[in-house]
Amino acid sequence: VPLVESGGGLVQPGGSLRLSCAASEFTFNYYVGKWYRQAPGKEREFVAGVVRGGGRTMYADTVKGRFTISTDNVRKTLYLQMNSLQVEDTAVYYCKAEAVGTNNEYWGQGTQVTVSS
């Protein structure tokens, strides 16, 4: 399985979680790493992205200033640090790796994040 996610769970509003997405067959040096989320009854939406592991980062307006995307030193794991969580952040979160210059892409299996008091 190319991407394995972990770190989801139940947290109170205002709390924090860190999601991880471990790559087993490649490093993010040659990929654009992204996080998406899908809430019940809604379409999957982009949350955050990072180019080639340590390059330019991109965020949805709804999470800017609260979420941070990053990779580890060897670029094998993609992270999403989520602070000041809100009920509206409740969703299944998916990581995605898009190979630079090709059409290859991989999705993680998804991890549930529930923000509730």
C-alpha atoms as a PDB file:
ATOM      1  CA  VAL A   1       0.000   0.000   0.000  1.00  0.00           C
ATOM      2  CA  PRO A   2       1.744   3.154  -1.137  1.00  0.00           C
ATOM      3  CA  LEU A   3       0.217   5.520   1.454  1.00  0.00           C
ATOM      4  CA  VAL A   4      -0.875   4.678   4.987  1.00  0.00           C
ATOM      5  CA  GLU A   5      -2.584   7.271   7.129  1.00  0.00           C
ATOM      6  CA  SER A   6      -2.852   7.562  10.887  1.00  0.00           C
ATOM      7  CA  GLY A   7      -3.614  10.083  13.607  1.00  0.00           C
ATOM      8  CA  GLY A   8      -7.336  10.693  13.324  1.00  0.00           C
ATOM      9  CA  GLY A   9      -9.669  10.627  16.292  1.00  0.00           C
ATOM     10  CA  LEU A  10     -12.114  12.507  18.468  1.00  0.00           C
ATOM     11  CA  VAL A  11     -11.142  15.931  19.801  1.00  0.00           C
ATOM     12  CA  GLN A  12     -12.976  18.799  21.460  1.00  0.00           C
ATOM     13  CA  PRO A  13     -13.385  22.160  19.727  1.00  0.00           C
ATOM     14  CA  GLY A  14     -10.203  24.180  20.089  1.00  0.00           C
ATOM     15  CA  GLY A  15      -8.078  21.057  20.317  1.00  0.00           C
ATOM     16  CA  SER A  16      -5.305  19.751  18.087  1.00  0.00           C
ATOM     17  CA  LEU A  17      -4.486  16.625  16.106  1.00  0.00           C
ATOM     18  CA  ARG A  18      -1.628  15.628  13.847  1.00  0.00           C
ATOM     19  CA  LEU A  19      -2.300  13.382  10.870  1.00  0.00           C
ATOM     20  CA  SER A  20       0.456  11.295   9.297  1.00  0.00           C
ATOM     21  CA  CYS A  21       0.702   9.763   5.837  1.00  0.00           C
ATOM     22  CA  ALA A  22       3.569   7.310   5.413  1.00  0.00           C
ATOM     23  CA  ALA A  23       4.859   6.479   1.937  1.00  0.00           C
ATOM     24  CA  SER A  24       6.238   2.971   1.483  1.00  0.00           C
ATOM     25  CA  GLU A  25       7.534   3.103  -2.080  1.00  0.00           C
ATOM     26  CA  PHE A  26       8.760   6.651  -2.704  1.00  0.00           C
ATOM     27  CA  THR A  27       9.744   9.925  -1.086  1.00  0.00           C
ATOM     28  CA  PHE A  28       7.850  13.172  -1.356  1.00  0.00           C
ATOM     29  CA  ASN A  29      10.914  14.797  -2.950  1.00  0.00           C
ATOM     30  CA  TYR A  30       9.400  13.993  -6.345  1.00  0.00           C
ATOM     31  CA  TYR A  31       5.737  14.412  -5.494  1.00  0.00           C
ATOM     32  CA  VAL A  32       3.232  17.048  -4.553  1.00  0.00           C
ATOM     33  CA  GLY A  33       1.774  15.956  -1.219  1.00  0.00           C
ATOM     34  CA  LYS A  34      -1.798  17.005  -0.518  1.00  0.00           C
ATOM     35  CA  TRP A  35      -4.484  16.570   2.097  1.00  0.00           C
ATOM     36  CA  TYR A  36      -8.167  16.461   1.226  1.00  0.00           C
ATOM     37  CA  ARG A  37     -11.236  15.950   3.385  1.00  0.00           C
ATOM     38  CA  GLN A  38     -14.779  14.799   2.854  1.00  0.00           C
ATOM     39  CA  ALA A  39     -17.599  15.539   5.269  1.00  0.00           C
ATOM     40  CA  PRO A  40     -20.844  13.531   5.231  1.00  0.00           C
ATOM     41  CA  GLY A  41     -23.024  14.557   2.321  1.00  0.00           C
ATOM     42  CA  LYS A  42     -20.363  16.834   0.848  1.00  0.00           C
ATOM     43  CA  GLU A  43     -17.820  16.563  -1.930  1.00  0.00           C
ATOM     44  CA  ARG A  44     -14.161  15.917  -1.223  1.00  0.00           C
ATOM     45  CA  GLU A  45     -12.305  19.211  -0.861  1.00  0.00           C
ATOM     46  CA  PHE A  46      -8.689  20.307  -0.929  1.00  0.00           C
ATOM     47  CA  VAL A  47      -7.194  21.207   2.437  1.00  0.00           C
ATOM     48  CA  ALA A  48      -3.446  21.709   2.027  1.00  0.00           C
ATOM     49  CA  GLY A  49      -0.523  20.874  -0.251  1.00  0.00           C
ATOM     50  CA  VAL A  50       3.279  20.976  -0.330  1.00  0.00           C
ATOM     51  CA  VAL A  51       5.479  20.809  -3.412  1.00  0.00           C
ATOM     52  CA  ARG A  52       8.384  18.312  -3.439  1.00  0.00           C
ATOM     53  CA  GLY A  53       8.394  17.748   0.294  1.00  0.00           C
ATOM     54  CA  GLY A  54       9.807  21.062   1.395  1.00  0.00           C
ATOM     55  CA  GLY A  55       8.769  23.602  -1.180  1.00  0.00           C
ATOM     56  CA  ARG A  56       5.803  25.880  -1.651  1.00  0.00           C
ATOM     57  CA  THR A  57       2.805  25.232   0.544  1.00  0.00           C
ATOM     58  CA  MET A  58      -0.850  25.873  -0.246  1.00  0.00           C
ATOM     59  CA  TYR A  59      -3.882  26.008   2.036  1.00  0.00           C
ATOM     60  CA  ALA A  60      -7.629  26.285   1.686  1.00  0.00           C
ATOM     61  CA  ASP A  61      -8.912  29.556   3.104  1.00  0.00           C
ATOM     62  CA  THR A  62     -10.952  27.668   5.684  1.00  0.00           C
ATOM     63  CA  VAL A  63      -7.836  26.214   7.348  1.00  0.00           C
ATOM     64  CA  LYS A  64      -5.223  28.896   6.711  1.00  0.00           C
ATOM     65  CA  GLY A  65      -3.506  29.901   9.932  1.00  0.00           C
ATOM     66  CA  ARG A  66      -4.761  26.824  11.792  1.00  0.00           C
ATOM     67  CA  PHE A  67      -3.350  23.876   9.808  1.00  0.00           C
ATOM     68  CA  THR A  68       0.255  23.244   8.790  1.00  0.00           C
ATOM     69  CA  ILE A  69       1.428  20.742   6.180  1.00  0.00           C
ATOM     70  CA  SER A  70       4.965  19.362   6.330  1.00  0.00           C
ATOM     71  CA  THR A  71       7.166  16.340   5.691  1.00  0.00           C
ATOM     72  CA  ASP A  72       9.833  14.664   7.801  1.00  0.00           C
ATOM     73  CA  ASN A  73      13.579  15.015   7.181  1.00  0.00           C
ATOM     74  CA  VAL A  74      13.770  12.096   4.762  1.00  0.00           C
ATOM     75  CA  ARG A  75      10.498  13.069   3.028  1.00  0.00           C
ATOM     76  CA  LYS A  76       8.862   9.696   3.608  1.00  0.00           C
ATOM     77  CA  THR A  77       5.984  10.958   5.717  1.00  0.00           C
ATOM     78  CA  LEU A  78       3.506  13.738   5.072  1.00  0.00           C
ATOM     79  CA  TYR A  79       1.975  15.479   8.079  1.00  0.00           C
ATOM     80  CA  LEU A  80      -0.979  17.720   8.732  1.00  0.00           C
ATOM     81  CA  GLN A  81      -0.846  19.561  12.049  1.00  0.00           C
ATOM     82  CA  MET A  82      -4.341  20.773  12.872  1.00  0.00           C
ATOM     83  CA  ASN A  83      -4.805  23.367  15.616  1.00  0.00           C
ATOM     84  CA  SER A  84      -7.842  25.292  16.843  1.00  0.00           C
ATOM     85  CA  LEU A  85     -10.094  22.586  15.464  1.00  0.00           C
ATOM     86  CA  GLN A  86     -13.720  23.440  14.836  1.00  0.00           C
ATOM     87  CA  VAL A  87     -16.825  21.306  14.535  1.00  0.00           C
ATOM     88  CA  GLU A  88     -16.815  22.160  10.828  1.00  0.00           C
ATOM     89  CA  ASP A  89     -13.470  20.372  10.450  1.00  0.00           C
ATOM     90  CA  THR A  90     -15.159  17.022  11.083  1.00  0.00           C
ATOM     91  CA  ALA A  91     -14.528  14.806   8.051  1.00  0.00           C
ATOM     92  CA  VAL A  92     -12.602  11.873   6.695  1.00  0.00           C
ATOM     93  CA  TYR A  93      -9.146  13.147   5.791  1.00  0.00           C
ATOM     94  CA  TYR A  94      -7.235  11.696   2.848  1.00  0.00           C
ATOM     95  CA  CYS A  95      -3.656  12.181   1.795  1.00  0.00           C
ATOM     96  CA  LYS A  96      -2.637  12.185  -1.849  1.00  0.00           C
ATOM     97  CA  ALA A  97       0.681  12.053  -3.663  1.00  0.00           C
ATOM     98  CA  GLU A  98       0.919  13.410  -7.206  1.00  0.00           C
ATOM     99  CA  ALA A  99       4.098  12.592  -9.117  1.00  0.00           C
ATOM    100  CA  VAL A 100       5.692  15.682 -10.632  1.00  0.00           C
ATOM    101  CA  GLY A 101       5.765  15.482 -14.420  1.00  0.00           C
ATOM    102  CA  THR A 102       3.639  12.326 -14.766  1.00  0.00           C
ATOM    103  CA  ASN A 103       0.043  11.277 -14.215  1.00  0.00           C
ATOM    104  CA  ASN A 104       0.894   8.913 -11.363  1.00  0.00           C
ATOM    105  CA  GLU A 105      -0.988   9.552  -8.161  1.00  0.00           C
ATOM    106  CA  TYR A 106      -1.785   7.688  -4.959  1.00  0.00           C
ATOM    107  CA  TRP A 107      -4.438   8.101  -2.292  1.00  0.00           C
ATOM    108  CA  GLY A 108      -4.392   7.096   1.341  1.00  0.00           C
ATOM    109  CA  GLN A 109      -7.201   5.067   2.850  1.00  0.00           C
ATOM    110  CA  GLY A 110      -8.610   7.959   4.860  1.00  0.00           C
ATOM    111  CA  THR A 111      -8.729   8.691   8.567  1.00  0.00           C
ATOM    112  CA  GLN A 112     -11.713  10.011  10.519  1.00  0.00           C
ATOM    113  CA  VAL A 113     -11.428  13.297  12.379  1.00  0.00           C
ATOM    114  CA  THR A 114     -14.346  14.183  14.634  1.00  0.00           C
ATOM    115  CA  VAL A 115     -14.516  17.510  16.446  1.00  0.00           C
ATOM    116  CA  SER A 116     -17.216  17.473  19.080  1.00  0.00           C
ATOM    117  CA  SER A 117     -17.835  18.516  22.660  1.00  0.00           C
END
